[in-house]
Amino acid sequence: MNESYKQLLIDLFADPQLMARFKEDPKAVLKERGEAVPDDVEIKVVEDTANLRHFVIPYLGTETPSSVEELEQRATKYWIIA
């Protein structure tokens, strides 16, 4: 987990207003923090609970990766905060 992602999580849990803004408009909050978010990318915020977990399948492009190393490189390529 990269440092900017960890810091964002800490800030979200520490600041209920920031959490509410992030849930409503994550792109705006990310842009405020200097993260490049392409205009054509939609960001959906989901929150785990004690009884609900989300499994995110990353976008890898159209071709199947040929190795674990390629999978890791391609998976993090498309993350906004990786």
Protein backbone atom coordinates (compact mmCIF):
# COMPACT_ATOMS: atom_id res chain seq x y z
CA MET A 1 0.00 0.00 0.00
CA ASN A 2 1.59 3.28 -1.00
CA GLU A 3 2.06 6.15 1.41
CA SER A 4 -0.48 8.56 -0.15
CA TYR A 5 -3.16 5.85 0.00
CA LYS A 6 -2.37 5.12 3.66
CA GLN A 7 -2.45 8.82 4.51
CA LEU A 8 -5.78 9.26 2.73
CA LEU A 9 -7.30 6.43 4.77
CA ILE A 10 -5.99 7.90 8.02
CA ASP A 11 -7.36 11.33 7.10
CA LEU A 12 -10.74 9.91 6.08
CA PHE A 13 -11.21 8.10 9.39
CA ALA A 14 -10.00 11.12 11.37
CA ASP A 15 -12.24 13.65 9.61
CA PRO A 16 -15.95 12.79 9.17
CA GLN A 17 -16.48 15.79 6.89
CA LEU A 18 -13.67 14.66 4.59
CA MET A 19 -15.13 11.14 4.60
CA ALA A 20 -18.55 12.51 3.59
CA ARG A 21 -17.00 14.63 0.81
CA PHE A 22 -14.94 11.68 -0.42
CA LYS A 23 -18.00 9.44 -0.58
CA GLU A 24 -19.89 12.12 -2.51
CA ASP A 25 -17.11 13.30 -4.85
CA PRO A 26 -13.95 11.18 -4.63
CA LYS A 27 -12.39 12.71 -7.74
CA ALA A 28 -12.48 16.19 -6.24
CA VAL A 29 -10.81 15.05 -3.01
CA LEU A 30 -8.15 13.12 -4.92
CA LYS A 31 -7.44 16.09 -7.19
CA GLU A 32 -7.11 18.34 -4.10
CA ARG A 33 -4.43 15.92 -2.90
CA GLY A 34 -2.52 16.11 -6.17
CA GLU A 35 -3.61 12.75 -7.57
CA ALA A 36 -4.09 12.69 -11.34
CA VAL A 37 -7.59 11.49 -12.15
CA PRO A 38 -8.45 11.35 -15.86
CA ASP A 39 -11.77 12.98 -16.73
CA ASP A 40 -13.01 9.80 -18.39
CA VAL A 41 -12.41 7.67 -15.27
CA GLU A 42 -15.29 7.10 -12.85
CA ILE A 43 -14.45 6.38 -9.23
CA LYS A 44 -16.91 4.50 -7.08
CA VAL A 45 -16.44 4.49 -3.30
CA VAL A 46 -17.62 1.44 -1.38
CA GLU A 47 -17.15 0.90 2.33
CA ASP A 48 -16.66 -2.43 4.05
CA THR A 49 -18.62 -3.20 7.20
CA ALA A 50 -18.25 -5.85 9.88
CA ASN A 51 -20.31 -8.25 7.75
CA LEU A 52 -19.59 -7.07 4.21
CA ARG A 53 -16.30 -7.12 2.31
CA HIS A 54 -15.64 -5.99 -1.25
CA PHE A 55 -13.27 -7.75 -3.61
CA VAL A 56 -12.00 -5.44 -6.33
CA ILE A 57 -10.92 -7.04 -9.57
CA PRO A 58 -8.47 -4.58 -11.16
CA TYR A 59 -8.64 -3.56 -14.79
CA LEU A 60 -5.69 -5.14 -16.61
CA GLY A 61 -6.38 -4.23 -20.21
CA THR A 62 -7.51 -6.72 -22.81
CA GLU A 63 -4.75 -9.35 -22.76
CA THR A 64 -4.19 -11.96 -20.05
CA PRO A 65 -0.98 -11.34 -18.10
CA SER A 66 1.73 -13.93 -18.73
CA SER A 67 3.31 -13.87 -15.26
CA VAL A 68 2.72 -12.80 -11.67
CA GLU A 69 5.16 -9.93 -12.21
CA GLU A 70 3.22 -8.69 -15.25
CA LEU A 71 -0.07 -9.03 -13.35
CA GLU A 72 1.29 -6.90 -10.50
CA GLN A 73 2.72 -4.27 -12.86
CA ARG A 74 -0.46 -3.99 -14.91
CA ALA A 75 -2.81 -4.06 -11.90
CA THR A 76 -1.08 -1.09 -10.28
CA LYS A 77 -0.80 0.80 -13.58
CA TYR A 78 -4.50 1.60 -13.61
CA TRP A 79 -4.97 2.41 -9.92
CA ILE A 80 -5.44 6.05 -9.05
CA ILE A 81 -3.63 5.59 -5.75
CA ALA A 82 -1.67 2.37 -5.82
